[in-house]
Amino acid sequence: VEERAVWLDSIASALEARSDEIAELESKDTGKPVALARAVDAARSALNFRFFAKLVRELPDEQYKMEDALNVVVRKPVGVAGLITPWNLPLYLLSWKVAPAILMGNCVVCKPSRLTPLTANLLAEVVTEIGLPPGVVNLVHGSGSKCGQALVEHPAVGAISFTGGTSTGRSVAAGAAPLFKKLSLELGGKNATIVCGDADLEKTVPGAARAAFMNQGQVCLCGSRLLVERSIWDVFVPRFVAYVKAMSIGDPASCDLGALVSQEHRKKVEGYVALAQEEGGTVLCGGERPVLEPPFDAGAFLEPAVIEGLAPDSRSATEEIFGPVVTLHPFENDDEALAIANNTEYGLAGSVWTRDLERGRRIAEGIDTGMVWVNCWLHRDLRVPFGGVKNSGVGREGGRYSLEFFSEPTNICLMEA
């Protein structure tokens, strides 16, 4: 294990040395701002390898004493793990899976999104350069229906870790189930940001905007439903709209918001903006294609949209849009906030903003999700379990949960002869 931990540290150092290159590649592939790619994608990708190398050195052995015997749990590799990752955080999410998988002694086959292949290629270069044995990390490019399905259904692959949409996750589960593969699915979300009447608006307004529009809203954890206590509705909403209007959009080298991943995806998001209006919603700002100078006029840019007036059970307020669109909903009390927050097939994440931590925790415990932040968003401790409930996924990764997923336990009961 120590040898493999050294490999992870070496990969982390190599990625850190190429952080500027990673940021540029991610921006070109996804359209996100370079500054965001440098601060989040590049930094976190290296950290993922560094974190798991440190974790495995610190975890105590798993032992259970009896009066007359000692139980020792040893962990063995699954064998070959298939890692299927999406286009929104390409290297960030691929490294999140590769690091614990090879640390536990597995070989991996990586299948990144065909929309964003560049940093997966860079990772393949890095593992070769640092001397990782051939065949430990393998990379295939192609469509999900061909390459992804073949990986899921191959009998030599013992575990599948998939991050992506819920509909694709169902197909992955259906393909893996007959072979009893280990399965980790991190799927979609329709997350609620709950703003209580006593929230610190100086912190909450930018926090809620970041939660809604980071990476152009193309993060499964984004807070795409903004629930505001009615007592501060008339104060919060204008401030929030003004903040969103001030966000710059265009050149990824200098702006707050970049382009969506593709023209096709932009049309999908625009379709939801139109649907929201058909369902009775009012667009307070955004939802239009910005007028930009060449070459950015050809990009898949879309102004961040803030929409009010929708019924909480409308399609626009319950279906995952995965773009720069947030819907606003008033609530009178905590019970109503929870009813709205939980009124979706998804259960990935959420956030609560209040000066009353007891109230914040009480609301957080009532939200049917795998993760909730109070007075923050996407503040991550990599040791904690990451994943969702309902149609947001199966299983957990992160910290020891990742090490357990990418290994099989054998209990050895030792008794003196």
Protein backbone atom coordinates (compact mmCIF):
# COMPACT_ATOMS: atom_id res chain seq x y z
CA VAL A 1 0.00 0.00 0.00
CA GLU A 2 2.84 2.42 0.77
CA GLU A 3 4.24 1.94 -2.74
CA ARG A 4 0.86 2.82 -4.20
CA ALA A 5 0.57 5.85 -1.89
CA VAL A 6 3.92 7.06 -3.24
CA TRP A 7 2.51 6.72 -6.76
CA LEU A 8 -0.41 8.92 -5.78
CA ASP A 9 1.88 11.57 -4.32
CA SER A 10 3.93 11.53 -7.51
CA ILE A 11 0.82 11.93 -9.66
CA ALA A 12 -0.31 14.83 -7.46
CA SER A 13 3.03 16.59 -7.86
CA ALA A 14 2.96 16.11 -11.63
CA LEU A 15 -0.56 17.52 -11.86
CA GLU A 16 0.38 20.50 -9.69
CA ALA A 17 3.26 21.24 -12.05
CA ARG A 18 0.81 21.33 -14.97
CA SER A 19 -2.02 23.21 -13.25
CA ASP A 20 -2.03 26.11 -15.72
CA GLU A 21 -2.17 23.68 -18.63
CA ILE A 22 -5.01 21.76 -16.97
CA ALA A 23 -6.97 24.98 -16.45
CA GLU A 24 -6.58 25.98 -20.09
CA LEU A 25 -7.59 22.53 -21.34
CA GLU A 26 -10.65 22.35 -19.10
CA SER A 27 -11.72 25.83 -20.22
CA LYS A 28 -11.36 24.90 -23.88
CA ASP A 29 -13.22 21.62 -23.43
CA THR A 30 -16.07 22.82 -21.22
CA GLY A 31 -16.32 26.59 -21.74
CA LYS A 32 -15.86 27.37 -18.04
CA PRO A 33 -13.79 30.36 -16.89
CA VAL A 34 -10.06 29.72 -16.70
CA ALA A 35 -9.90 31.09 -13.16
CA LEU A 36 -12.56 28.61 -12.04
CA ALA A 37 -10.77 25.74 -13.77
CA ARG A 38 -7.50 26.69 -12.08
CA ALA A 39 -8.98 27.16 -8.60
CA VAL A 40 -11.34 24.18 -8.67
CA ASP A 41 -10.60 21.62 -11.37
CA ALA A 42 -6.81 21.74 -11.42
CA ALA A 43 -6.34 22.23 -7.68
CA ARG A 44 -8.84 19.60 -6.62
CA SER A 45 -7.57 17.01 -9.12
CA ALA A 46 -4.12 17.09 -7.56
CA LEU A 47 -5.60 17.21 -4.07
CA ASN A 48 -7.62 14.06 -4.69
CA PHE A 49 -4.44 12.03 -5.19
CA ARG A 50 -2.67 13.72 -2.28
CA PHE A 51 -5.66 13.23 0.03
CA PHE A 52 -6.04 9.49 -0.52
CA ALA A 53 -2.29 8.91 -0.17
CA LYS A 54 -2.39 10.63 3.22
CA LEU A 55 -5.62 8.93 4.29
CA VAL A 56 -4.41 5.38 3.78
CA ARG A 57 -1.32 6.07 5.87
CA GLU A 58 -3.42 7.34 8.76
CA LEU A 59 -6.30 4.86 8.87
CA PRO A 60 -5.99 2.34 11.71
CA ASP A 61 -6.14 -1.38 11.04
CA GLU A 62 -9.64 -2.81 11.32
CA GLN A 63 -9.55 -5.27 14.23
CA TYR A 64 -12.15 -6.59 16.67
CA LYS A 65 -11.10 -8.32 19.91
CA MET A 66 -13.02 -11.16 21.51
CA GLU A 67 -12.22 -12.84 24.82
CA ASP A 68 -10.52 -15.75 23.07
CA ALA A 69 -9.83 -14.52 19.55
CA LEU A 70 -8.95 -11.58 17.35
CA ASN A 71 -10.80 -10.65 14.16
CA VAL A 72 -8.72 -8.88 11.54
CA VAL A 73 -10.34 -7.39 8.45
CA VAL A 74 -8.08 -7.29 5.41
CA ARG A 75 -9.03 -5.60 2.17
CA LYS A 76 -8.32 -7.06 -1.25
CA PRO A 77 -8.66 -5.40 -4.66
CA VAL A 78 -11.86 -5.79 -6.63
CA GLY A 79 -9.67 -6.43 -9.68
CA VAL A 80 -10.70 -4.17 -12.54
CA ALA A 81 -12.84 -1.09 -11.93
CA GLY A 82 -14.70 0.77 -14.65
CA LEU A 83 -14.78 4.54 -14.11
CA ILE A 84 -17.31 6.52 -16.15
CA THR A 85 -17.23 10.30 -15.71
CA PRO A 86 -19.19 13.31 -17.05
CA TRP A 87 -18.26 16.46 -18.92
CA ASN A 88 -18.87 19.12 -16.28
CA LEU A 89 -15.84 18.44 -14.03
CA PRO A 90 -13.72 16.15 -16.20
CA LEU A 91 -10.40 15.66 -14.39
CA TYR A 92 -11.81 16.64 -10.98
CA LEU A 93 -14.22 13.68 -11.00
CA LEU A 94 -11.94 11.26 -12.83
CA SER A 95 -9.18 11.77 -10.27
CA TRP A 96 -11.75 11.32 -7.47
CA LYS A 97 -12.25 7.77 -8.72
CA VAL A 98 -8.80 6.82 -10.04
CA ALA A 99 -6.94 7.70 -6.83
CA PRO A 100 -8.75 5.37 -4.39
CA ALA A 101 -9.18 2.65 -7.00
CA ILE A 102 -5.49 2.20 -7.75
CA LEU A 103 -4.58 2.83 -4.11
CA MET A 104 -6.53 -0.30 -3.20
CA GLY A 105 -4.62 -2.32 -5.79
CA ASN A 106 -7.05 -2.28 -8.71
CA CYS A 107 -6.49 -1.67 -12.37
CA VAL A 108 -8.91 0.84 -13.87
CA VAL A 109 -10.51 1.50 -17.24
CA CYS A 110 -11.49 5.16 -17.54
CA LYS A 111 -14.27 6.28 -19.88
CA PRO A 112 -14.56 10.09 -19.83
CA SER A 113 -17.23 12.03 -21.66
CA ARG A 114 -16.54 12.25 -25.37
CA LEU A 115 -17.30 15.99 -25.11
CA THR A 116 -14.33 16.62 -22.79
CA PRO A 117 -11.43 14.22 -23.48
CA LEU A 118 -8.39 16.48 -23.12
CA THR A 119 -7.52 16.24 -19.42
CA ALA A 120 -8.12 12.50 -19.35
CA ASN A 121 -5.41 12.27 -21.99
CA LEU A 122 -3.20 14.47 -19.81
CA LEU A 123 -3.72 12.15 -16.83
CA ALA A 124 -2.71 9.19 -19.00
CA GLU A 125 0.49 11.04 -19.88
CA VAL A 126 1.18 11.80 -16.22
CA VAL A 127 0.77 8.24 -14.95
CA THR A 128 3.15 7.06 -17.67
CA GLU A 129 5.70 9.74 -16.85
CA ILE A 130 5.78 8.95 -13.12
CA GLY A 131 6.40 5.26 -13.81
CA LEU A 132 3.06 3.67 -13.01
CA PRO A 133 3.20 0.09 -14.35
CA PRO A 134 1.56 -0.32 -17.76
CA GLY A 135 -2.03 -1.53 -17.58
CA VAL A 136 -2.86 -0.04 -14.19
CA VAL A 137 -4.61 3.01 -15.64
CA ASN A 138 -6.29 2.49 -19.01
CA LEU A 139 -8.24 5.01 -21.06
CA VAL A 140 -10.94 4.53 -23.69
CA HIS A 141 -12.80 7.25 -25.58
CA GLY A 142 -16.18 6.89 -27.23
CA SER A 143 -19.90 7.04 -26.76
CA GLY A 144 -21.71 5.79 -23.71
CA SER A 145 -23.91 3.48 -25.76
CA LYS A 146 -20.87 1.66 -27.15
CA CYS A 147 -17.81 2.08 -24.94
CA GLY A 148 -19.69 2.74 -21.72
CA GLN A 149 -22.08 -0.14 -22.16
CA ALA A 150 -19.26 -2.53 -23.09
CA LEU A 151 -17.40 -1.54 -19.93
CA VAL A 152 -20.47 -2.00 -17.74
CA GLU A 153 -21.30 -5.42 -19.17
CA HIS A 154 -17.78 -6.87 -19.41
CA PRO A 155 -17.43 -9.86 -17.06
CA ALA A 156 -13.84 -8.97 -16.11
CA VAL A 157 -14.90 -5.63 -14.64
CA GLY A 158 -15.83 -6.12 -11.00
CA ALA A 159 -16.92 -2.61 -10.03
CA ILE A 160 -18.45 0.36 -11.80
CA SER A 161 -18.23 3.91 -10.47
CA PHE A 162 -20.46 6.21 -12.53
CA THR A 163 -21.14 9.92 -12.27
CA GLY A 164 -23.72 11.36 -14.64
CA GLY A 165 -27.40 11.73 -15.40
CA THR A 166 -30.11 9.69 -13.72
CA SER A 167 -31.48 8.17 -16.94
CA THR A 168 -28.01 6.94 -17.91
CA GLY A 169 -27.50 5.71 -14.36
CA ARG A 170 -30.55 3.49 -14.74
CA SER A 171 -29.01 1.93 -17.85
CA VAL A 172 -25.71 1.40 -16.03
CA ALA A 173 -27.51 -0.29 -13.13
CA ALA A 174 -29.48 -2.52 -15.50
CA GLY A 175 -26.31 -3.61 -17.28
CA ALA A 176 -24.34 -4.26 -14.10
CA ALA A 177 -27.02 -6.03 -12.06
CA PRO A 178 -27.03 -9.44 -13.82
CA LEU A 179 -23.30 -9.80 -13.12
CA PHE A 180 -23.62 -8.66 -9.47
CA LYS A 181 -20.99 -5.96 -9.92
CA LYS A 182 -20.24 -3.47 -7.18
CA LEU A 183 -21.98 -0.27 -8.18
CA SER A 184 -21.60 3.37 -7.17
CA LEU A 185 -23.92 5.84 -8.89
CA GLU A 186 -23.69 9.61 -8.32
CA LEU A 187 -26.56 11.00 -10.37
CA GLY A 188 -28.64 14.14 -10.85
CA GLY A 189 -29.97 16.69 -8.42
CA LYS A 190 -32.61 19.39 -8.04
CA ASN A 191 -31.22 20.96 -4.92
CA ALA A 192 -32.89 23.53 -2.69
CA THR A 193 -31.22 26.58 -1.19
CA ILE A 194 -33.31 27.61 1.83
CA VAL A 195 -32.92 31.21 2.99
CA CYS A 196 -34.41 31.89 6.41
CA GLY A 197 -35.67 35.28 7.53
CA ASP A 198 -32.72 35.86 9.84
CA ALA A 199 -30.04 35.01 7.26
CA ASP A 200 -27.03 37.30 6.88
CA LEU A 201 -27.79 38.70 3.43
CA GLU A 202 -24.27 40.04 2.93
CA LYS A 203 -23.11 36.43 2.96
CA THR A 204 -26.24 34.71 1.68
CA VAL A 205 -26.83 36.64 -1.55
CA PRO A 206 -23.40 35.85 -3.08
CA GLY A 207 -23.50 32.37 -1.54
CA ALA A 208 -26.85 31.56 -3.12
CA ALA A 209 -25.72 32.99 -6.47
CA ARG A 210 -22.57 30.88 -6.39
CA ALA A 211 -24.61 27.81 -5.51
CA ALA A 212 -26.96 28.46 -8.42
CA PHE A 213 -24.53 29.49 -11.15
CA MET A 214 -21.09 28.02 -10.48
CA ASN A 215 -19.82 26.42 -13.68
CA GLN A 216 -22.86 27.93 -15.44
CA GLY A 217 -25.13 25.85 -13.20
CA GLN A 218 -23.62 22.67 -14.59
CA VAL A 219 -22.82 21.01 -11.27
CA CYS A 220 -25.02 18.28 -9.84
CA LEU A 221 -24.85 20.02 -6.45
CA CYS A 222 -26.04 23.43 -7.69
CA GLY A 223 -28.91 25.02 -5.79
CA SER A 224 -31.34 25.45 -8.67
CA ARG A 225 -34.35 26.10 -6.41
CA LEU A 226 -34.10 29.12 -4.13
CA LEU A 227 -36.59 29.04 -1.24
CA VAL A 228 -36.90 32.38 0.56
CA GLU A 229 -38.84 33.03 3.77
CA ARG A 230 -41.66 35.41 2.91
CA SER A 231 -40.70 37.88 5.65
CA ILE A 232 -37.57 38.87 3.67
CA TRP A 233 -38.83 38.14 0.14
CA ASP A 234 -39.18 41.81 -0.85
CA VAL A 235 -35.67 42.56 0.40
CA PHE A 236 -33.83 39.46 -0.75
CA VAL A 237 -35.17 39.04 -4.28
CA PRO A 238 -34.14 42.49 -5.64
CA ARG A 239 -30.70 42.16 -4.08
CA PHE A 240 -30.25 38.69 -5.53
CA VAL A 241 -31.39 39.74 -9.00
CA ALA A 242 -29.07 42.76 -8.94
CA TYR A 243 -26.16 40.53 -7.94
CA VAL A 244 -26.88 38.09 -10.76
CA LYS A 245 -27.23 40.88 -13.33
CA ALA A 246 -23.78 42.15 -12.35
CA MET A 247 -22.10 38.83 -13.13
CA SER A 248 -19.97 39.12 -16.27
CA ILE A 249 -20.34 36.61 -19.09
CA GLY A 250 -18.11 36.01 -22.08
CA ASP A 251 -14.37 35.50 -22.44
CA PRO A 252 -13.45 32.58 -20.12
CA ALA A 253 -10.10 34.22 -19.49
CA SER A 254 -11.65 37.16 -17.64
CA CYS A 255 -15.39 36.72 -16.94
CA ASP A 256 -17.44 35.28 -14.08
CA LEU A 257 -19.43 32.94 -16.33
CA GLY A 258 -18.33 31.03 -19.39
CA ALA A 259 -20.18 29.05 -22.04
CA LEU A 260 -22.32 25.98 -21.68
CA VAL A 261 -20.71 22.75 -22.80
CA SER A 262 -22.38 22.63 -26.24
CA GLN A 263 -24.91 24.31 -28.50
CA GLU A 264 -27.20 21.32 -28.04
CA HIS A 265 -27.14 21.71 -24.27
CA ARG A 266 -27.84 25.44 -24.55
CA LYS A 267 -30.96 24.68 -26.60
CA LYS A 268 -32.10 22.26 -23.89
CA VAL A 269 -31.68 24.91 -21.19
CA GLU A 270 -33.44 27.53 -23.33
CA GLY A 271 -36.29 25.06 -23.71
CA TYR A 272 -36.69 24.96 -19.94
CA VAL A 273 -36.73 28.77 -19.75
CA ALA A 274 -39.55 28.77 -22.31
CA LEU A 275 -41.34 26.00 -20.42
CA ALA A 276 -41.11 27.97 -17.18
CA GLN A 277 -42.87 30.89 -18.84
CA GLU A 278 -45.56 28.58 -20.22
CA GLU A 279 -46.05 27.28 -16.67
CA GLY A 280 -46.69 30.79 -15.37
CA GLY A 281 -43.19 31.83 -14.38
CA THR A 282 -41.80 35.34 -14.75
CA VAL A 283 -38.19 35.74 -15.85
CA LEU A 284 -36.71 38.46 -13.64
CA CYS A 285 -33.41 38.47 -15.52
CA GLY A 286 -31.41 36.40 -17.98
CA GLY A 287 -32.37 33.45 -20.10
CA GLU A 288 -31.21 35.21 -23.28
CA ARG A 289 -28.17 34.76 -25.48
CA PRO A 290 -25.75 37.62 -24.73
CA VAL A 291 -24.43 39.83 -27.50
CA LEU A 292 -20.69 39.17 -27.60
CA GLU A 293 -17.80 40.12 -29.85
CA PRO A 294 -16.13 37.48 -32.07
CA PRO A 295 -15.05 34.79 -31.48
CA PHE A 296 -17.25 34.50 -28.41
CA ASP A 297 -20.43 35.23 -30.37
CA ALA A 298 -20.16 31.67 -31.68
CA GLY A 299 -20.03 30.14 -28.20
CA ALA A 300 -22.87 28.49 -26.30
CA PHE A 301 -23.34 31.38 -23.86
CA LEU A 302 -26.55 32.02 -21.95
CA GLU A 303 -27.32 34.77 -19.45
CA PRO A 304 -28.09 33.41 -15.96
CA ALA A 305 -31.86 33.26 -15.48
CA VAL A 306 -33.82 34.00 -12.31
CA ILE A 307 -37.48 32.95 -12.48
CA GLU A 308 -40.31 33.52 -9.99
CA GLY A 309 -44.00 32.63 -9.90
CA LEU A 310 -43.75 28.90 -10.57
CA ALA A 311 -45.75 26.31 -8.68
CA PRO A 312 -43.36 24.20 -6.58
CA ASP A 313 -44.61 21.05 -8.35
CA SER A 314 -44.17 22.43 -11.88
CA ARG A 315 -41.81 20.67 -14.26
CA SER A 316 -39.44 23.63 -14.28
CA ALA A 317 -39.20 23.50 -10.49
CA THR A 318 -38.79 19.73 -10.14
CA GLU A 319 -36.82 18.52 -13.17
CA GLU A 320 -33.05 18.85 -13.41
CA ILE A 321 -32.14 21.59 -15.89
CA PHE A 322 -28.35 21.52 -15.38
CA GLY A 323 -27.78 25.05 -16.53
CA PRO A 324 -27.79 28.70 -15.40
CA VAL A 325 -31.42 28.75 -14.25
CA VAL A 326 -32.71 29.23 -10.70
CA THR A 327 -36.36 29.32 -9.64
CA LEU A 328 -37.55 31.37 -6.64
CA HIS A 329 -40.21 30.15 -4.20
CA PRO A 330 -41.53 31.84 -1.02
CA PHE A 331 -42.28 29.90 2.16
CA GLU A 332 -44.07 30.81 5.39
CA ASN A 333 -42.49 28.36 7.85
CA ASP A 334 -40.01 25.51 8.13
CA ASP A 335 -42.59 22.82 7.40
CA GLU A 336 -43.53 24.47 4.12
CA ALA A 337 -39.86 24.93 3.20
CA LEU A 338 -39.22 21.22 3.76
CA ALA A 339 -42.32 20.23 1.80
CA ILE A 340 -41.09 22.24 -1.19
CA ALA A 341 -37.48 21.10 -0.83
CA ASN A 342 -38.45 17.42 -0.72
CA ASN A 343 -40.98 17.64 -3.56
CA THR A 344 -38.70 16.14 -6.19
CA GLU A 345 -37.50 12.73 -7.30
CA TYR A 346 -33.94 13.78 -6.47
CA GLY A 347 -32.10 13.81 -3.15
CA LEU A 348 -28.51 14.87 -3.65
CA ALA A 349 -27.77 18.07 -1.72
CA GLY A 350 -29.09 21.29 -0.27
CA SER A 351 -28.16 24.31 1.80
CA VAL A 352 -29.74 26.32 4.60
CA TRP A 353 -28.88 29.93 5.45
CA THR A 354 -29.72 31.22 8.94
CA ARG A 355 -28.10 32.82 11.96
CA ASP A 356 -29.84 30.23 14.17
CA LEU A 357 -27.68 27.11 13.94
CA GLU A 358 -30.19 25.00 15.88
CA ARG A 359 -32.86 25.90 13.35
CA GLY A 360 -30.41 25.34 10.52
CA ARG A 361 -29.56 21.87 11.75
CA ARG A 362 -33.22 21.02 12.32
CA ILE A 363 -34.10 22.02 8.76
CA ALA A 364 -31.02 20.24 7.39
CA GLU A 365 -32.02 16.99 9.07
CA GLY A 366 -35.46 17.26 7.49
CA ILE A 367 -34.16 17.54 3.93
CA ASP A 368 -34.15 14.19 2.11
CA THR A 369 -30.66 14.41 0.62
CA GLY A 370 -27.23 12.90 1.09
CA MET A 371 -25.57 16.24 1.88
CA VAL A 372 -26.64 19.56 3.37
CA TRP A 373 -24.59 22.68 4.05
CA VAL A 374 -25.57 25.32 6.61
CA ASN A 375 -24.40 28.90 5.86
CA CYS A 376 -22.10 27.66 3.10
CA TRP A 377 -22.15 25.62 -0.09
CA LEU A 378 -19.69 23.11 -1.53
CA HIS A 379 -17.47 23.41 1.54
CA ARG A 380 -15.95 19.95 1.29
CA ASP A 381 -14.18 17.67 3.74
CA LEU A 382 -13.00 14.79 1.58
CA ARG A 383 -13.30 12.34 4.49
CA VAL A 384 -17.09 12.48 4.61
CA PRO A 385 -19.52 10.37 2.54
CA PHE A 386 -20.50 11.86 -0.81
CA GLY A 387 -23.65 10.75 -2.61
CA GLY A 388 -27.41 11.01 -2.78
CA VAL A 389 -30.70 9.31 -2.03
CA LYS A 390 -33.84 8.69 -4.09
CA ASN A 391 -33.04 9.13 -7.80
CA SER A 392 -29.77 10.89 -7.05
CA GLY A 393 -27.78 7.72 -6.70
CA VAL A 394 -26.70 4.56 -4.95
CA GLY A 395 -23.75 4.22 -2.58
CA ARG A 396 -21.23 6.67 -1.20
CA GLU A 397 -17.69 7.70 -2.10
CA GLY A 398 -15.20 9.86 -0.23
CA GLY A 399 -12.66 9.03 2.45
CA ARG A 400 -12.83 5.47 3.74
CA TYR A 401 -16.10 4.96 1.83
CA SER A 402 -14.14 5.09 -1.43
CA LEU A 403 -11.52 2.68 -0.12
CA GLU A 404 -14.26 0.27 0.94
CA PHE A 405 -16.03 0.50 -2.42
CA PHE A 406 -12.88 -0.26 -4.39
CA SER A 407 -12.00 -3.31 -2.26
CA GLU A 408 -13.47 -6.51 -0.87
CA PRO A 409 -13.18 -7.27 2.87
CA THR A 410 -12.05 -10.62 4.21
CA ASN A 411 -12.43 -11.23 7.93
CA ILE A 412 -9.79 -13.48 9.52
CA CYS A 413 -10.60 -14.84 12.98
CA LEU A 414 -7.40 -15.73 14.85
CA MET A 415 -7.39 -18.04 17.88
CA GLU A 416 -4.43 -19.54 19.68
CA ALA A 417 -3.96 -23.29 18.98
